[in-house]
C-alpha cells in the first residue's frame, strides 16, 4: 500500500508541475505579444465592423478630441540637415478610407520611447499639398501617432495622392516611405 501512495503522490506532483509550467508559458507568451509593435499592413484594414481599422488606434482616438485633425494646423519643423538627432524609420500600419468614403485614415508608429510629433503630408500634381499634425502617444514600447482621421472633403481633389509620415522630436527624426492612396 505504501508503494501505491508513493506512486500516487509522484503522479500528482508531476501533473501539478506540468500545470504550473503551462500557466507560466501562457503568461509569458501573452506578455511578449503585448510588447510586439503592430504588424505593417500594405492596405488599410478598414471594414464595416471596424471603421477605424485598428483596435489600438480606436483606443488612441478615444483619448483625443474628435476635431483634432479637422482643422489645419501649423507644422512643427524638424531639425536642419547635419543634425545629430537619431534617424528613425516610421512605420505606416494602416491607410485607407472609411467604409462610407467620408474619412481618410492613416495610422503610424516609431519604436522610440520619447514623445514626438507626427506630420502626414499628402501631395498630388496640380493640387495644393495637404498636411496634418498630431502628437505621439506611448503605447507599450512604441510611440504611435494619435491617428489621422481627415475628412475626404478637405482634399482639394479626388484621385491618387502620394503621402508620407514624418515623426520627430528633440531626440529623433525620420520619414516613412512614400505611399499612394486613392481618395474618393
C-alpha atoms as a PDB file:
ATOM      1  CA  UNK A   1       0.000   0.000   0.000  1.00  0.00           C
ATOM      2  CA  UNK A   2       2.915   2.379   0.681  1.00  0.00           C
ATOM      3  CA  UNK A   3       4.122   1.726  -2.863  1.00  0.00           C
ATOM      4  CA  UNK A   4       0.724   2.854  -4.201  1.00  0.00           C
ATOM      5  CA  UNK A   5       0.825   6.093  -2.147  1.00  0.00           C
ATOM      6  CA  UNK A   6       4.313   6.981  -3.355  1.00  0.00           C
ATOM      7  CA  UNK A   7       3.311   6.384  -6.970  1.00  0.00           C
ATOM      8  CA  UNK A   8       0.102   8.364  -6.495  1.00  0.00           C
ATOM      9  CA  UNK A   9       1.941  11.281  -4.839  1.00  0.00           C
ATOM     10  CA  UNK A  10       4.587  11.276  -7.576  1.00  0.00           C
ATOM     11  CA  UNK A  11       1.919  11.338 -10.292  1.00  0.00           C
ATOM     12  CA  UNK A  12       0.102  14.217  -8.602  1.00  0.00           C
ATOM     13  CA  UNK A  13       3.356  16.157  -8.227  1.00  0.00           C
ATOM     14  CA  UNK A  14       4.258  15.682 -11.910  1.00  0.00           C
ATOM     15  CA  UNK A  15       0.789  16.735 -13.082  1.00  0.00           C
ATOM     16  CA  UNK A  16       0.902  19.771 -10.796  1.00  0.00           C
ATOM     17  CA  UNK A  17       4.311  20.824 -12.143  1.00  0.00           C
ATOM     18  CA  UNK A  18       3.083  20.435 -15.737  1.00  0.00           C
ATOM     19  CA  UNK A  19       0.011  22.572 -14.994  1.00  0.00           C
ATOM     20  CA  UNK A  20       2.120  25.305 -13.370  1.00  0.00           C
ATOM     21  CA  UNK A  21       4.528  25.210 -16.341  1.00  0.00           C
ATOM     22  CA  UNK A  22       1.695  25.561 -18.862  1.00  0.00           C
ATOM     23  CA  UNK A  23       0.196  28.513 -16.988  1.00  0.00           C
ATOM     24  CA  UNK A  24       3.619  30.194 -16.771  1.00  0.00           C
ATOM     25  CA  UNK A  25       4.265  29.626 -20.502  1.00  0.00           C
ATOM     26  CA  UNK A  26       0.872  31.073 -21.436  1.00  0.00           C
ATOM     27  CA  UNK A  27       1.546  34.149 -19.310  1.00  0.00           C
ATOM     28  CA  UNK A  28       4.991  34.612 -20.880  1.00  0.00           C
ATOM     29  CA  UNK A  29       3.542  34.410 -24.400  1.00  0.00           C
ATOM     30  CA  UNK A  30       0.791  36.917 -23.548  1.00  0.00           C
ATOM     31  CA  UNK A  31       3.260  39.418 -22.057  1.00  0.00           C
ATOM     32  CA  UNK A  32       5.640  39.138 -25.026  1.00  0.00           C
ATOM     33  CA  UNK A  33       2.822  39.511 -27.568  1.00  0.00           C
ATOM     34  CA  UNK A  34       1.735  42.775 -25.956  1.00  0.00           C
ATOM     35  CA  UNK A  35       5.290  44.157 -26.389  1.00  0.00           C
ATOM     36  CA  UNK A  36       5.359  43.471 -30.140  1.00  0.00           C
ATOM     37  CA  UNK A  37       4.902  46.510 -32.408  1.00  0.00           C
ATOM     38  CA  UNK A  38       1.891  46.293 -34.701  1.00  0.00           C
ATOM     39  CA  UNK A  39       2.285  44.431 -37.977  1.00  0.00           C
ATOM     40  CA  UNK A  40       2.731  46.570 -41.079  1.00  0.00           C
ATOM     41  CA  UNK A  41      -0.235  46.424 -43.440  1.00  0.00           C
ATOM     42  CA  UNK A  42       0.134  47.181 -47.130  1.00  0.00           C
ATOM     43  CA  UNK A  43      -3.523  48.202 -47.436  1.00  0.00           C
ATOM     44  CA  UNK A  44      -5.920  49.696 -44.956  1.00  0.00           C
ATOM     45  CA  UNK A  45      -7.750  47.171 -42.835  1.00  0.00           C
ATOM     46  CA  UNK A  46     -10.929  49.204 -42.781  1.00  0.00           C
ATOM     47  CA  UNK A  47     -14.132  47.185 -42.555  1.00  0.00           C
ATOM     48  CA  UNK A  48     -17.765  47.782 -41.635  1.00  0.00           C
ATOM     49  CA  UNK A  49     -17.247  46.082 -38.261  1.00  0.00           C
ATOM     50  CA  UNK A  50     -14.071  48.039 -37.501  1.00  0.00           C
ATOM     51  CA  UNK A  51     -14.315  51.512 -39.072  1.00  0.00           C
ATOM     52  CA  UNK A  52     -11.014  52.733 -37.631  1.00  0.00           C
ATOM     53  CA  UNK A  53      -9.064  49.763 -38.970  1.00  0.00           C
ATOM     54  CA  UNK A  54      -7.007  49.229 -35.807  1.00  0.00           C
ATOM     55  CA  UNK A  55      -8.055  48.467 -32.215  1.00  0.00           C
ATOM     56  CA  UNK A  56      -5.096  50.351 -30.753  1.00  0.00           C
ATOM     57  CA  UNK A  57      -5.927  53.292 -32.990  1.00  0.00           C
ATOM     58  CA  UNK A  58      -9.543  53.230 -31.699  1.00  0.00           C
ATOM     59  CA  UNK A  59      -8.199  53.362 -28.146  1.00  0.00           C
ATOM     60  CA  UNK A  60      -5.966  56.272 -29.100  1.00  0.00           C
ATOM     61  CA  UNK A  61      -8.859  58.052 -30.797  1.00  0.00           C
ATOM     62  CA  UNK A  62     -10.846  57.954 -27.564  1.00  0.00           C
ATOM     63  CA  UNK A  63      -8.092  59.902 -25.794  1.00  0.00           C
ATOM     64  CA  UNK A  64      -8.096  62.908 -28.105  1.00  0.00           C
ATOM     65  CA  UNK A  65     -10.717  65.462 -29.093  1.00  0.00           C
ATOM     66  CA  UNK A  66     -12.698  64.450 -32.169  1.00  0.00           C
ATOM     67  CA  UNK A  67     -11.924  67.680 -34.027  1.00  0.00           C
ATOM     68  CA  UNK A  68      -8.153  67.370 -33.535  1.00  0.00           C
ATOM     69  CA  UNK A  69      -7.415  66.611 -37.177  1.00  0.00           C
ATOM     70  CA  UNK A  70     -10.147  68.570 -38.919  1.00  0.00           C
ATOM     71  CA  UNK A  71      -8.542  71.999 -38.526  1.00  0.00           C
ATOM     72  CA  UNK A  72      -5.406  72.933 -40.455  1.00  0.00           C
ATOM     73  CA  UNK A  73      -2.525  73.218 -38.031  1.00  0.00           C
ATOM     74  CA  UNK A  74       0.924  74.762 -38.327  1.00  0.00           C
ATOM     75  CA  UNK A  75       3.582  72.167 -38.995  1.00  0.00           C
ATOM     76  CA  UNK A  76       6.437  71.965 -36.478  1.00  0.00           C
ATOM     77  CA  UNK A  77       9.728  71.918 -38.318  1.00  0.00           C
ATOM     78  CA  UNK A  78      12.244  69.097 -37.871  1.00  0.00           C
ATOM     79  CA  UNK A  79      15.899  69.917 -37.412  1.00  0.00           C
ATOM     80  CA  UNK A  80      18.178  71.164 -40.156  1.00  0.00           C
ATOM     81  CA  UNK A  81      20.492  68.989 -42.269  1.00  0.00           C
ATOM     82  CA  UNK A  82      23.586  67.846 -40.393  1.00  0.00           C
ATOM     83  CA  UNK A  83      21.524  67.249 -37.258  1.00  0.00           C
ATOM     84  CA  UNK A  84      22.808  64.947 -34.568  1.00  0.00           C
ATOM     85  CA  UNK A  85      19.341  63.519 -33.975  1.00  0.00           C
ATOM     86  CA  UNK A  86      18.855  59.759 -34.227  1.00  0.00           C
ATOM     87  CA  UNK A  87      17.493  58.828 -37.664  1.00  0.00           C
ATOM     88  CA  UNK A  88      14.366  56.667 -37.479  1.00  0.00           C
ATOM     89  CA  UNK A  89      12.051  54.999 -39.976  1.00  0.00           C
ATOM     90  CA  UNK A  90       8.369  55.497 -39.078  1.00  0.00           C
ATOM     91  CA  UNK A  91       6.068  52.609 -39.978  1.00  0.00           C
ATOM     92  CA  UNK A  92       2.658  53.223 -41.560  1.00  0.00           C
ATOM     93  CA  UNK A  93       0.440  50.417 -40.256  1.00  0.00           C
ATOM     94  CA  UNK A  94      -2.906  51.358 -41.781  1.00  0.00           C
ATOM     95  CA  UNK A  95      -4.115  53.656 -44.507  1.00  0.00           C
ATOM     96  CA  UNK A  96      -7.344  53.876 -46.457  1.00  0.00           C
ATOM     97  CA  UNK A  97     -10.807  55.343 -46.308  1.00  0.00           C
ATOM     98  CA  UNK A  98     -13.689  54.620 -44.011  1.00  0.00           C
ATOM     99  CA  UNK A  99     -16.385  52.350 -45.486  1.00  0.00           C
ATOM    100  CA  UNK A 100     -18.548  55.365 -46.341  1.00  0.00           C
ATOM    101  CA  UNK A 101     -15.501  57.054 -48.011  1.00  0.00           C
ATOM    102  CA  UNK A 102     -16.060  60.181 -45.869  1.00  0.00           C
ATOM    103  CA  UNK A 103     -12.760  59.944 -43.965  1.00  0.00           C
ATOM    104  CA  UNK A 104      -9.150  59.178 -44.897  1.00  0.00           C
ATOM    105  CA  UNK A 105      -7.464  57.135 -42.138  1.00  0.00           C
ATOM    106  CA  UNK A 106      -3.710  56.974 -41.514  1.00  0.00           C
ATOM    107  CA  UNK A 107      -2.011  55.131 -38.599  1.00  0.00           C
ATOM    108  CA  UNK A 108       1.750  55.063 -37.924  1.00  0.00           C
ATOM    109  CA  UNK A 109       4.311  54.480 -35.158  1.00  0.00           C
ATOM    110  CA  UNK A 110       8.005  54.560 -34.331  1.00  0.00           C
ATOM    111  CA  UNK A 111       9.963  52.320 -31.962  1.00  0.00           C
ATOM    112  CA  UNK A 112      11.090  55.216 -29.778  1.00  0.00           C
ATOM    113  CA  UNK A 113      10.135  55.793 -26.159  1.00  0.00           C
ATOM    114  CA  UNK A 114      10.349  59.609 -26.123  1.00  0.00           C
ATOM    115  CA  UNK A 115       7.278  61.610 -27.200  1.00  0.00           C
ATOM    116  CA  UNK A 116       7.314  63.337 -30.553  1.00  0.00           C
ATOM    117  CA  UNK A 117       5.260  64.927 -33.293  1.00  0.00           C
ATOM    118  CA  UNK A 118       3.726  63.257 -36.355  1.00  0.00           C
ATOM    119  CA  UNK A 119       3.093  65.041 -39.637  1.00  0.00           C
ATOM    120  CA  UNK A 120       1.303  63.390 -42.552  1.00  0.00           C
ATOM    121  CA  UNK A 121       1.905  65.128 -45.887  1.00  0.00           C
ATOM    122  CA  UNK A 122      -0.227  64.500 -48.979  1.00  0.00           C
ATOM    123  CA  UNK A 123       0.881  65.533 -52.495  1.00  0.00           C
ATOM    124  CA  UNK A 124      -0.890  65.410 -55.858  1.00  0.00           C
ATOM    125  CA  UNK A 125       0.268  67.029 -59.082  1.00  0.00           C
ATOM    126  CA  UNK A 126      -1.797  70.104 -59.846  1.00  0.00           C
ATOM    127  CA  UNK A 127      -3.245  70.356 -56.321  1.00  0.00           C
ATOM    128  CA  UNK A 128      -2.081  72.214 -53.247  1.00  0.00           C
ATOM    129  CA  UNK A 129      -0.427  69.963 -50.632  1.00  0.00           C
ATOM    130  CA  UNK A 130      -2.350  68.876 -47.554  1.00  0.00           C
ATOM    131  CA  UNK A 131      -0.662  68.363 -44.143  1.00  0.00           C
ATOM    132  CA  UNK A 132      -1.944  67.419 -40.705  1.00  0.00           C
ATOM    133  CA  UNK A 133      -0.071  67.246 -37.394  1.00  0.00           C
ATOM    134  CA  UNK A 134      -0.659  65.120 -34.289  1.00  0.00           C
ATOM    135  CA  UNK A 135       1.331  64.287 -31.172  1.00  0.00           C
ATOM    136  CA  UNK A 136       2.568  60.787 -30.437  1.00  0.00           C
ATOM    137  CA  UNK A 137       1.276  58.648 -27.604  1.00  0.00           C
ATOM    138  CA  UNK A 138       3.298  55.925 -25.860  1.00  0.00           C
ATOM    139  CA  UNK A 139       1.654  52.511 -26.315  1.00  0.00           C
ATOM    140  CA  UNK A 140       3.733  49.656 -24.967  1.00  0.00           C
ATOM    141  CA  UNK A 141       7.274  50.185 -26.234  1.00  0.00           C
ATOM    142  CA  UNK A 142       6.372  52.352 -29.251  1.00  0.00           C
ATOM    143  CA  UNK A 143       5.267  55.930 -29.915  1.00  0.00           C
ATOM    144  CA  UNK A 144       2.089  55.870 -32.022  1.00  0.00           C
ATOM    145  CA  UNK A 145       0.824  58.840 -33.928  1.00  0.00           C
ATOM    146  CA  UNK A 146      -2.516  59.611 -32.342  1.00  0.00           C
ATOM    147  CA  UNK A 147      -4.061  58.899 -35.703  1.00  0.00           C
ATOM    148  CA  UNK A 148      -5.169  60.948 -38.635  1.00  0.00           C
ATOM    149  CA  UNK A 149      -8.868  60.953 -39.468  1.00  0.00           C
ATOM    150  CA  UNK A 150      -9.111  63.507 -42.254  1.00  0.00           C
ATOM    151  CA  UNK A 151     -12.451  64.296 -43.883  1.00  0.00           C
ATOM    152  CA  UNK A 152     -12.222  63.419 -47.598  1.00  0.00           C
ATOM    153  CA  UNK A 153     -13.926  66.750 -48.331  1.00  0.00           C
ATOM    154  CA  UNK A 154     -10.748  68.549 -47.156  1.00  0.00           C
ATOM    155  CA  UNK A 155      -8.753  67.129 -50.066  1.00  0.00           C
ATOM    156  CA  UNK A 156      -8.660  69.702 -52.881  1.00  0.00           C
ATOM    157  CA  UNK A 157      -9.150  66.958 -55.499  1.00  0.00           C
ATOM    158  CA  UNK A 158     -10.167  63.310 -55.680  1.00  0.00           C
ATOM    159  CA  UNK A 159      -7.850  60.638 -57.071  1.00  0.00           C
ATOM    160  CA  UNK A 160      -4.363  59.289 -56.371  1.00  0.00           C
ATOM    161  CA  UNK A 161      -2.409  61.118 -53.644  1.00  0.00           C
ATOM    162  CA  UNK A 162       1.123  60.358 -52.512  1.00  0.00           C
ATOM    163  CA  UNK A 163       1.707  60.591 -48.757  1.00  0.00           C
ATOM    164  CA  UNK A 164       4.376  60.039 -46.140  1.00  0.00           C
ATOM    165  CA  UNK A 165       4.519  60.347 -42.361  1.00  0.00           C
ATOM    166  CA  UNK A 166       7.295  62.242 -40.592  1.00  0.00           C
ATOM    167  CA  UNK A 167       7.872  61.699 -36.875  1.00  0.00           C
ATOM    168  CA  UNK A 168      10.335  63.815 -34.949  1.00  0.00           C
ATOM    169  CA  UNK A 169      11.279  65.090 -31.515  1.00  0.00           C
ATOM    170  CA  UNK A 170      14.269  66.797 -29.959  1.00  0.00           C
ATOM    171  CA  UNK A 171      15.987  63.348 -29.972  1.00  0.00           C
ATOM    172  CA  UNK A 172      14.982  61.668 -33.243  1.00  0.00           C
ATOM    173  CA  UNK A 173      13.562  62.291 -36.707  1.00  0.00           C
ATOM    174  CA  UNK A 174      12.591  60.401 -39.835  1.00  0.00           C
ATOM    175  CA  UNK A 175      10.020  59.875 -42.570  1.00  0.00           C
ATOM    176  CA  UNK A 176       8.200  56.811 -43.853  1.00  0.00           C
ATOM    177  CA  UNK A 177       8.496  55.688 -47.427  1.00  0.00           C
ATOM    178  CA  UNK A 178       6.045  57.461 -49.742  1.00  0.00           C
ATOM    179  CA  UNK A 179       2.844  55.525 -50.384  1.00  0.00           C
ATOM    180  CA  UNK A 180      -0.194  56.115 -52.579  1.00  0.00           C
ATOM    181  CA  UNK A 181      -3.828  56.346 -51.583  1.00  0.00           C
ATOM    182  CA  UNK A 182      -6.886  56.789 -53.807  1.00  0.00           C
ATOM    183  CA  UNK A 183      -9.140  59.447 -52.276  1.00  0.00           C
ATOM    184  CA  UNK A 184     -12.716  59.067 -53.489  1.00  0.00           C
END
